[in-house]
Amino acid sequence: MPRKARIDGPGALHHIIVRGIKRQRIFSDDKDRDNFLDRLGTIVTETQTICLAWALIPNHAHILLRTGQTPLATVMRRLLTGYAVSFNRRHRRQGHLFQNRYKSILCQEDSYLLELVRYIHLNPLRARLVKGLSESDQYPYSGHSALMGKVKRDFQDTNYVLKLFGKKVLSARQVYRNYVEKGIRQGRRPELVGGGLIRSAGGWSMVKAMRRVQDHMKSDERILGDGDFAQSVLDEAKERLAERCRLQAKGYDLEKVANRVSSELGINPDQVWAAGKHPITVKARSLMCYWAVRMLGYSATELAKKLGVSQPSVSISVRRGEKIAQTMQIELIKD
């Protein structure tokens, strides 16, 4: 069965799970963990991706991210590829480090944000990496210690989470800690990391009850939320796909996009493809990257190869191109 495409968009909240191949370790020691965190911090800062929670376990990692303008796939590709190469070089090994592709679950923020922050930050305790919550407060390889103010992690948005527990930092930390402590006796929470309909509904009892009243809730293993949320997410994804199909049916490809850019900016089409940092060339490339990635669905990596630039350069161009299109009030297809 073909795997489903990831669902993403600016502002989307994702619970990401990365596992080692064949349950093998992806972190052998603190040097590996620090390497991973340095890369995570750099990438989420550069891409303006918000990190709300995280925990590193020897053979897997949990991360809670809210995407900005840079797609989740781009963020994770940079993080995991760079780390895997570094890990293999350091430990003199070859081959894949991670199990298949990482798992990402699009989450309904209002219902699940705090649950996920707690679940993720209790992972070291469940994995017996720490002996209790007091030790977890100091544990440097989980975002919990940053929320408790014991370890500084500039890339983690602790303010956003703490404000959900109170206006003053010190009292908010205590309320947050009490909330985490109450979660210890809940044990493992499979409904937060998998289960499709069962997860979205709240367990088998709810599923059976809904079947009795013929309330068939839309579910998807990529989504954590209630039926209405899941349906709205899938509908939006279908709309984006339909728009791309419509553009392709009209013959829109990179060449046609480049011609559209050249027409709008009053330049030769060759200048859109030209290298260099001349202002009009940068403007043209940025606009083309924006329309190609956002409207036609090209990946930043694919576009980087065609343009002979780095993938991060394309991501930057996409953000710049979006601002240009908004300022000029232009769209790919003229009315």
Protein backbone atom coordinates (compact mmCIF):
# COMPACT_ATOMS: atom_id res chain seq x y z
CA MET A 1 0.00 0.00 0.00
CA PRO A 2 1.49 3.40 -0.95
CA ARG A 3 2.28 5.63 1.98
CA LYS A 4 0.16 8.72 2.49
CA ALA A 5 1.53 12.19 1.89
CA ARG A 6 2.27 14.30 4.93
CA ILE A 7 -0.24 16.98 5.84
CA ASP A 8 1.30 20.36 6.59
CA GLY A 9 0.79 24.09 6.42
CA PRO A 10 1.96 27.26 8.17
CA GLY A 11 0.96 27.16 11.83
CA ALA A 12 0.36 23.39 11.90
CA LEU A 13 1.21 21.60 15.14
CA HIS A 14 3.10 18.33 14.66
CA HIS A 15 4.06 15.56 17.07
CA ILE A 16 7.14 14.02 15.47
CA ILE A 17 8.58 10.64 16.39
CA VAL A 18 11.98 9.55 15.08
CA ARG A 19 13.10 5.97 15.69
CA GLY A 20 16.36 4.12 15.15
CA ILE A 21 16.40 1.37 12.54
CA LYS A 22 15.68 -2.04 14.07
CA ARG A 23 15.25 -0.28 17.44
CA GLN A 24 18.95 0.57 17.45
CA ARG A 25 20.32 3.55 19.35
CA ILE A 26 20.42 6.90 17.62
CA PHE A 27 22.17 8.50 20.60
CA SER A 28 25.18 6.70 22.07
CA ASP A 29 26.27 9.40 24.49
CA ASP A 30 25.88 13.04 25.46
CA LYS A 31 28.05 14.15 22.56
CA ASP A 32 25.53 12.67 20.13
CA ARG A 33 22.65 14.26 22.02
CA ASP A 34 24.35 17.66 22.05
CA ASN A 35 25.04 17.34 18.33
CA PHE A 36 21.37 16.63 17.63
CA LEU A 37 20.19 19.52 19.79
CA ASP A 38 22.66 21.96 18.22
CA ARG A 39 21.32 21.04 14.80
CA LEU A 40 17.70 21.21 15.94
CA GLY A 41 18.26 24.63 17.52
CA THR A 42 19.97 26.05 14.45
CA ILE A 43 17.38 24.75 12.00
CA VAL A 44 14.23 25.76 13.90
CA THR A 45 15.72 29.22 14.47
CA GLU A 46 16.66 29.70 10.81
CA THR A 47 13.29 28.46 9.54
CA GLN A 48 11.24 30.22 12.24
CA THR A 49 9.77 26.89 13.29
CA ILE A 50 8.47 26.85 16.86
CA CYS A 51 9.64 24.05 19.16
CA LEU A 52 7.31 23.53 22.13
CA ALA A 53 8.46 20.19 23.57
CA TRP A 54 11.06 17.48 22.96
CA ALA A 55 12.74 14.48 24.56
CA LEU A 56 15.69 12.36 23.51
CA ILE A 57 15.60 8.63 24.32
CA PRO A 58 18.51 6.34 23.31
CA ASN A 59 16.67 4.74 20.38
CA HIS A 60 14.13 7.44 19.50
CA ALA A 61 13.16 11.08 19.89
CA HIS A 62 9.93 13.06 20.30
CA ILE A 63 9.58 16.66 19.09
CA LEU A 64 6.55 18.96 19.13
CA LEU A 65 6.84 21.61 16.41
CA ARG A 66 4.63 24.31 14.96
CA THR A 67 5.65 24.98 11.38
CA GLY A 68 6.23 28.44 9.99
CA GLN A 69 6.61 29.20 6.30
CA THR A 70 9.19 26.42 5.84
CA PRO A 71 7.51 23.03 5.31
CA LEU A 72 8.00 20.39 7.98
CA ALA A 73 9.56 18.06 5.40
CA THR A 74 12.32 20.58 4.75
CA VAL A 75 13.01 21.11 8.45
CA MET A 76 13.20 17.39 9.19
CA ARG A 77 15.24 16.57 6.10
CA ARG A 78 17.91 19.03 7.14
CA LEU A 79 17.88 17.81 10.74
CA LEU A 80 17.91 14.06 10.15
CA THR A 81 20.18 13.93 7.10
CA GLY A 82 22.83 16.11 8.69
CA TYR A 83 22.69 14.24 11.98
CA ALA A 84 22.81 10.78 10.36
CA VAL A 85 25.90 11.70 8.33
CA SER A 86 27.60 13.08 11.42
CA PHE A 87 26.62 10.08 13.57
CA ASN A 88 27.87 7.56 11.00
CA ARG A 89 31.15 9.39 10.57
CA ARG A 90 31.74 9.63 14.29
CA HIS A 91 30.90 5.99 15.01
CA ARG A 92 32.49 4.64 11.81
CA ARG A 93 29.32 2.99 10.60
CA GLN A 94 27.45 2.89 7.29
CA GLY A 95 23.84 2.57 6.24
CA HIS A 96 20.54 3.97 7.45
CA LEU A 97 20.32 5.29 10.99
CA PHE A 98 16.57 5.92 11.19
CA GLN A 99 13.65 3.51 10.82
CA ASN A 100 11.90 4.32 7.55
CA ARG A 101 10.72 7.92 7.52
CA TYR A 102 9.89 9.79 10.68
CA LYS A 103 6.31 9.76 11.93
CA SER A 104 4.47 13.07 12.07
CA ILE A 105 0.98 13.55 13.47
CA LEU A 106 -0.89 16.78 12.78
CA CYS A 107 -2.51 17.76 16.07
CA GLN A 108 -5.54 19.78 17.08
CA GLU A 109 -3.90 22.38 19.30
CA ASP A 110 -6.77 23.38 21.57
CA SER A 111 -7.46 19.80 22.62
CA TYR A 112 -4.04 18.22 22.64
CA LEU A 113 -1.21 20.74 23.05
CA LEU A 114 -0.85 20.44 26.83
CA GLU A 115 -1.44 16.68 26.74
CA LEU A 116 1.39 16.30 24.24
CA VAL A 117 3.79 18.55 26.13
CA ARG A 118 3.24 16.42 29.23
CA TYR A 119 3.40 13.11 27.36
CA ILE A 120 6.63 14.01 25.58
CA HIS A 121 8.35 15.36 28.68
CA LEU A 122 7.47 12.25 30.69
CA ASN A 123 9.24 9.98 28.20
CA PRO A 124 12.61 9.99 30.03
CA LEU A 125 10.81 8.93 33.22
CA ARG A 126 8.92 6.15 31.45
CA ALA A 127 12.19 5.02 29.83
CA ARG A 128 13.82 5.02 33.29
CA LEU A 129 16.48 7.51 32.26
CA VAL A 130 15.57 9.47 35.39
CA LYS A 131 14.36 8.10 38.73
CA GLY A 132 11.65 10.62 39.47
CA LEU A 133 10.21 14.01 38.63
CA SER A 134 12.79 15.84 40.75
CA GLU A 135 15.57 14.29 38.69
CA SER A 136 13.59 14.99 35.53
CA ASP A 137 13.50 18.68 36.50
CA GLN A 138 17.29 18.75 36.03
CA TYR A 139 17.56 16.31 33.09
CA PRO A 140 19.20 18.21 30.21
CA TYR A 141 17.89 16.09 27.34
CA SER A 142 14.21 16.89 27.65
CA GLY A 143 12.38 20.18 27.22
CA HIS A 144 10.91 19.75 30.72
CA SER A 145 14.10 21.04 32.37
CA ALA A 146 13.93 24.17 30.17
CA LEU A 147 10.34 24.80 31.22
CA MET A 148 11.44 24.41 34.85
CA GLY A 149 14.18 27.00 34.27
CA LYS A 150 17.00 24.57 35.12
CA VAL A 151 18.53 24.34 31.64
CA LYS A 152 18.57 27.14 29.05
CA ARG A 153 17.40 26.20 25.55
CA ASP A 154 17.07 29.30 23.38
CA PHE A 155 15.39 27.40 20.56
CA GLN A 156 12.51 26.20 22.77
CA ASP A 157 9.47 28.45 23.18
CA THR A 158 9.00 28.03 26.92
CA ASN A 159 7.09 31.29 27.29
CA TYR A 160 4.20 30.14 25.12
CA VAL A 161 3.71 26.94 27.12
CA LEU A 162 4.12 28.54 30.55
CA LYS A 163 1.60 31.28 29.76
CA LEU A 164 -0.99 28.55 29.38
CA PHE A 165 -0.48 27.78 33.07
CA GLY A 166 -0.36 31.29 34.47
CA LYS A 167 0.68 34.90 33.97
CA LYS A 168 3.69 34.83 36.32
CA VAL A 169 6.58 32.55 35.42
CA LEU A 170 7.28 31.11 38.88
CA SER A 171 3.68 30.24 39.66
CA ALA A 172 3.12 28.98 36.11
CA ARG A 173 6.08 26.61 36.49
CA GLN A 174 4.58 25.14 39.65
CA VAL A 175 1.18 24.65 38.04
CA TYR A 176 2.86 23.08 35.01
CA ARG A 177 4.91 20.76 37.21
CA ASN A 178 1.81 19.66 39.10
CA TYR A 179 0.13 18.95 35.77
CA VAL A 180 3.08 16.81 34.65
CA GLU A 181 3.14 14.96 37.98
CA LYS A 182 -0.53 14.01 37.59
CA GLY A 183 0.34 12.45 34.23
CA ILE A 184 2.83 9.97 35.72
CA ARG A 185 0.16 7.56 36.88
CA GLN A 186 -1.47 7.59 33.45
CA GLY A 187 1.42 5.50 32.11
CA ARG A 188 1.93 5.14 28.38
CA ARG A 189 -0.57 6.95 26.17
CA PRO A 190 -0.89 5.00 22.88
CA GLU A 191 -3.84 7.16 21.86
CA LEU A 192 -1.45 10.12 21.51
CA VAL A 193 0.91 8.41 19.05
CA GLY A 194 -1.24 6.17 16.87
CA GLY A 195 -4.61 4.62 16.30
CA GLY A 196 -6.50 6.63 13.70
CA LEU A 197 -10.20 6.53 14.57
CA ILE A 198 -9.62 5.05 18.02
CA ARG A 199 -7.21 7.87 18.85
CA SER A 200 -9.46 10.59 17.46
CA ALA A 201 -12.54 9.25 19.21
CA GLY A 202 -11.01 8.71 22.61
CA GLY A 203 -10.87 4.92 22.81
CA TRP A 204 -12.76 1.78 21.83
CA SER A 205 -15.73 2.50 24.09
CA MET A 206 -16.38 5.75 22.26
CA VAL A 207 -15.93 4.08 18.86
CA LYS A 208 -18.48 1.40 19.71
CA ALA A 209 -20.90 4.00 21.05
CA MET A 210 -20.64 6.04 17.88
CA ARG A 211 -21.19 2.97 15.74
CA ARG A 212 -24.42 2.33 17.63
CA VAL A 213 -25.68 5.78 16.73
CA GLN A 214 -24.11 5.59 13.25
CA ASP A 215 -21.91 8.61 13.87
CA HIS A 216 -19.03 7.77 11.54
CA MET A 217 -16.18 10.05 12.43
CA LYS A 218 -13.58 10.92 9.82
CA SER A 219 -10.19 9.58 10.93
CA ASP A 220 -6.66 9.46 9.65
CA GLU A 221 -3.51 8.10 11.27
CA ARG A 222 -1.74 11.34 10.38
CA ILE A 223 -4.13 13.45 12.44
CA LEU A 224 -4.75 13.76 16.18
CA GLY A 225 -8.02 15.54 16.80
CA ASP A 226 -11.78 15.24 16.74
CA GLY A 227 -13.76 14.32 13.66
CA ASP A 228 -14.49 17.88 12.56
CA PHE A 229 -10.83 18.83 12.84
CA ALA A 230 -9.71 15.76 10.92
CA GLN A 231 -12.28 16.41 8.20
CA SER A 232 -11.33 20.09 7.86
CA VAL A 233 -7.63 19.20 7.59
CA LEU A 234 -8.27 16.58 4.92
CA ASP A 235 -10.59 18.90 3.00
CA GLU A 236 -7.93 21.62 2.99
CA ALA A 237 -5.29 19.15 1.79
CA LYS A 238 -7.62 18.03 -1.01
CA GLU A 239 -8.20 21.65 -2.03
CA ARG A 240 -4.45 22.25 -2.33
CA LEU A 241 -4.05 19.08 -4.37
CA ALA A 242 -7.00 20.03 -6.59
CA GLU A 243 -5.47 23.47 -7.20
CA ARG A 244 -2.16 21.90 -8.23
CA CYS A 245 -3.97 19.53 -10.60
CA ARG A 246 -5.86 22.48 -12.08
CA LEU A 247 -2.61 24.35 -12.71
CA GLN A 248 -0.98 21.31 -14.26
CA ALA A 249 -4.02 20.80 -16.50
CA LYS A 250 -3.53 24.38 -17.71
CA GLY A 251 0.04 23.52 -18.65
CA TYR A 252 1.78 25.23 -15.74
CA ASP A 253 5.30 23.95 -15.20
CA LEU A 254 8.54 25.69 -14.21
CA GLU A 255 9.01 27.08 -17.70
CA LYS A 256 5.55 28.63 -17.74
CA VAL A 257 6.03 30.01 -14.23
CA ALA A 258 9.33 31.59 -15.31
CA ASN A 259 7.60 33.17 -18.30
CA ARG A 260 4.86 34.50 -16.03
CA VAL A 261 7.49 36.03 -13.72
CA SER A 262 9.37 37.62 -16.63
CA SER A 263 6.14 39.08 -17.99
CA GLU A 264 5.17 40.54 -14.61
CA LEU A 265 8.63 42.03 -13.96
CA GLY A 266 9.26 43.12 -17.54
CA ILE A 267 12.49 41.15 -18.01
CA ASN A 268 13.80 38.46 -20.34
CA PRO A 269 12.84 34.89 -19.29
CA ASP A 270 16.53 33.92 -19.27
CA GLN A 271 17.11 36.41 -16.47
CA VAL A 272 14.74 34.47 -14.23
CA TRP A 273 17.08 31.48 -14.46
CA ALA A 274 20.28 33.50 -14.25
CA ALA A 275 22.66 33.22 -11.30
CA GLY A 276 23.90 36.20 -9.35
CA LYS A 277 22.72 38.70 -6.78
CA HIS A 278 21.45 41.49 -9.03
CA PRO A 279 18.27 42.84 -7.33
CA ILE A 280 15.95 42.09 -10.25
CA THR A 281 17.38 38.58 -10.62
CA VAL A 282 16.91 37.87 -6.92
CA LYS A 283 13.37 39.24 -7.12
CA ALA A 284 12.55 37.12 -10.17
CA ARG A 285 13.98 33.92 -8.70
CA SER A 286 12.22 34.50 -5.41
CA LEU A 287 8.86 34.93 -7.09
CA MET A 288 9.40 31.82 -9.21
CA CYS A 289 10.44 29.76 -6.16
CA TYR A 290 7.37 30.90 -4.25
CA TRP A 291 4.93 29.95 -7.01
CA ALA A 292 6.75 26.71 -7.86
CA VAL A 293 6.82 25.45 -4.27
CA ARG A 294 3.52 26.75 -2.94
CA MET A 295 1.36 26.49 -6.05
CA LEU A 296 2.87 23.64 -8.08
CA GLY A 297 4.12 21.53 -5.19
CA TYR A 298 7.81 21.38 -6.10
CA SER A 299 10.05 20.45 -3.19
CA ALA A 300 12.80 22.85 -2.17
CA THR A 301 15.36 20.11 -2.81
CA GLU A 302 14.08 19.46 -6.32
CA LEU A 303 14.06 23.16 -7.15
CA ALA A 304 17.55 23.65 -5.70
CA LYS A 305 18.95 21.07 -8.14
CA LYS A 306 17.30 22.77 -11.10
CA LEU A 307 18.55 26.21 -10.08
CA GLY A 308 22.02 25.11 -8.97
CA VAL A 309 21.66 26.54 -5.46
CA SER A 310 21.39 25.12 -1.96
CA GLN A 311 18.10 23.90 -0.50
CA PRO A 312 18.14 26.54 2.28
CA SER A 313 18.55 29.22 -0.41
CA VAL A 314 15.35 28.04 -2.06
CA SER A 315 13.49 28.11 1.28
CA ILE A 316 14.65 31.69 1.84
CA SER A 317 13.61 32.61 -1.69
CA VAL A 318 10.13 31.16 -1.13
CA ARG A 319 9.59 33.37 1.92
CA ARG A 320 10.95 36.40 0.07
CA GLY A 321 8.81 35.61 -2.98
CA GLU A 322 5.67 35.42 -0.87
CA LYS A 323 6.29 38.95 0.43
CA ILE A 324 6.97 40.19 -3.11
CA ALA A 325 3.71 38.69 -4.41
CA GLN A 326 1.77 40.23 -1.52
CA THR A 327 3.39 43.65 -1.96
CA MET A 328 2.81 43.65 -5.73
CA GLN A 329 -0.65 42.10 -5.27
CA ILE A 330 -0.07 39.52 -7.99
CA GLU A 331 -1.04 35.87 -8.37
CA LEU A 332 0.23 33.10 -10.59
CA ILE A 333 -2.98 33.03 -12.62
CA LYS A 334 -4.40 36.38 -13.64
CA ASP A 335 -8.12 36.89 -13.11
